[in-house]
Amino acid sequence: MSLYQPEPVEISTRMRPGEWTEDSLVELVDTYRRRVEEMGAPAAEVATDIERNDDGSVKVVVSWPKPAIAGNEDSVPGGQPL
């Protein structure tokens, strides 16, 4: 048995104008991607969406649409056997 849950994983934030720079944005995205990969996501399956708004704010979403599986959950990245 496993604690694997097939629901998508998402880390997101919104930042107002002046709360971020291009460098801090890159660092934030890298941190979010690393966290999702630590949850078992293969790097190729991690999606990043950055929405820049006209007012200077930004929305960042890093996600992994975890696959639904049938069978041996232990073979799935991030599977946590009990």
Protein backbone atom coordinates (compact mmCIF):
# COMPACT_ATOMS: atom_id res chain seq x y z
CA MET A 1 0.00 0.00 0.00
CA SER A 2 1.10 3.56 -0.67
CA LEU A 3 0.27 7.11 0.35
CA TYR A 4 0.38 8.11 -3.34
CA GLN A 5 -2.40 10.50 -4.27
CA PRO A 6 -3.05 11.16 -7.98
CA GLU A 7 -4.23 14.75 -7.46
CA PRO A 8 -2.12 17.42 -9.17
CA VAL A 9 0.56 19.20 -7.18
CA GLU A 10 0.71 23.00 -7.45
CA ILE A 11 2.70 25.74 -5.80
CA SER A 12 1.70 29.28 -6.71
CA THR A 13 1.98 32.87 -5.64
CA ARG A 14 1.07 36.37 -6.77
CA MET A 15 3.39 39.31 -6.20
CA ARG A 16 2.54 42.98 -6.47
CA PRO A 17 4.63 45.51 -8.36
CA GLY A 18 7.85 46.22 -6.46
CA GLU A 19 7.77 42.92 -4.56
CA TRP A 20 9.92 41.12 -7.11
CA THR A 21 12.80 41.52 -9.55
CA GLU A 22 13.76 39.38 -12.52
CA ASP A 23 16.49 37.75 -10.40
CA SER A 24 14.18 37.02 -7.47
CA LEU A 25 11.58 35.64 -9.90
CA VAL A 26 14.10 33.18 -11.35
CA GLU A 27 15.13 32.13 -7.84
CA LEU A 28 11.49 31.66 -6.78
CA VAL A 29 10.68 29.51 -9.82
CA ASP A 30 13.80 27.38 -9.23
CA THR A 31 12.80 26.88 -5.58
CA TYR A 32 9.23 25.90 -6.49
CA ARG A 33 10.44 23.47 -9.17
CA ARG A 34 12.88 21.87 -6.72
CA ARG A 35 10.11 21.42 -4.15
CA VAL A 36 7.81 19.74 -6.67
CA GLU A 37 10.64 17.48 -7.83
CA GLU A 38 11.28 16.54 -4.18
CA MET A 39 7.67 15.31 -4.14
CA GLY A 40 8.61 12.81 -6.84
CA ALA A 41 7.96 14.72 -10.05
CA PRO A 42 10.25 13.98 -12.98
CA ALA A 43 11.75 17.31 -14.11
CA ALA A 44 10.25 16.88 -17.59
CA GLU A 45 6.72 16.72 -16.09
CA VAL A 46 6.95 19.92 -14.04
CA ALA A 47 5.13 22.81 -15.71
CA THR A 48 5.87 26.47 -15.03
CA ASP A 49 3.48 29.30 -15.87
CA ILE A 50 4.45 32.93 -15.29
CA GLU A 51 1.78 35.54 -15.90
CA ARG A 52 3.00 39.13 -16.09
CA ASN A 53 0.29 41.72 -15.72
CA ASP A 54 0.16 45.24 -17.13
CA ASP A 55 0.28 46.73 -13.62
CA GLY A 56 3.69 45.15 -12.93
CA SER A 57 2.39 42.29 -10.82
CA VAL A 58 3.24 38.69 -11.55
CA LYS A 59 1.59 35.33 -10.91
CA VAL A 60 3.76 32.20 -10.73
CA VAL A 61 2.41 28.64 -10.91
CA VAL A 62 4.60 25.53 -10.82
CA SER A 63 2.65 22.29 -11.15
CA TRP A 64 2.86 18.56 -11.74
CA PRO A 65 -0.23 16.82 -13.10
CA LYS A 66 0.45 13.55 -11.28
CA PRO A 67 -0.69 10.51 -13.26
CA ALA A 68 -3.58 8.41 -12.03
CA ILE A 69 -2.35 4.87 -11.69
CA ALA A 70 -3.81 1.44 -11.29
CA GLY A 71 -1.71 -1.30 -9.80
CA ASN A 72 1.61 -1.00 -8.05
CA GLU A 73 1.91 2.47 -6.55
CA ASP A 74 5.40 1.66 -5.30
CA SER A 75 6.71 1.98 -8.86
CA VAL A 76 5.48 5.58 -9.16
CA PRO A 77 7.91 8.42 -8.42
CA GLY A 78 7.07 9.82 -5.04
CA GLY A 79 5.32 6.64 -3.92
CA GLN A 80 5.65 6.26 -0.19
CA PRO A 81 5.16 2.68 0.95
CA LEU A 82 3.64 2.24 4.38
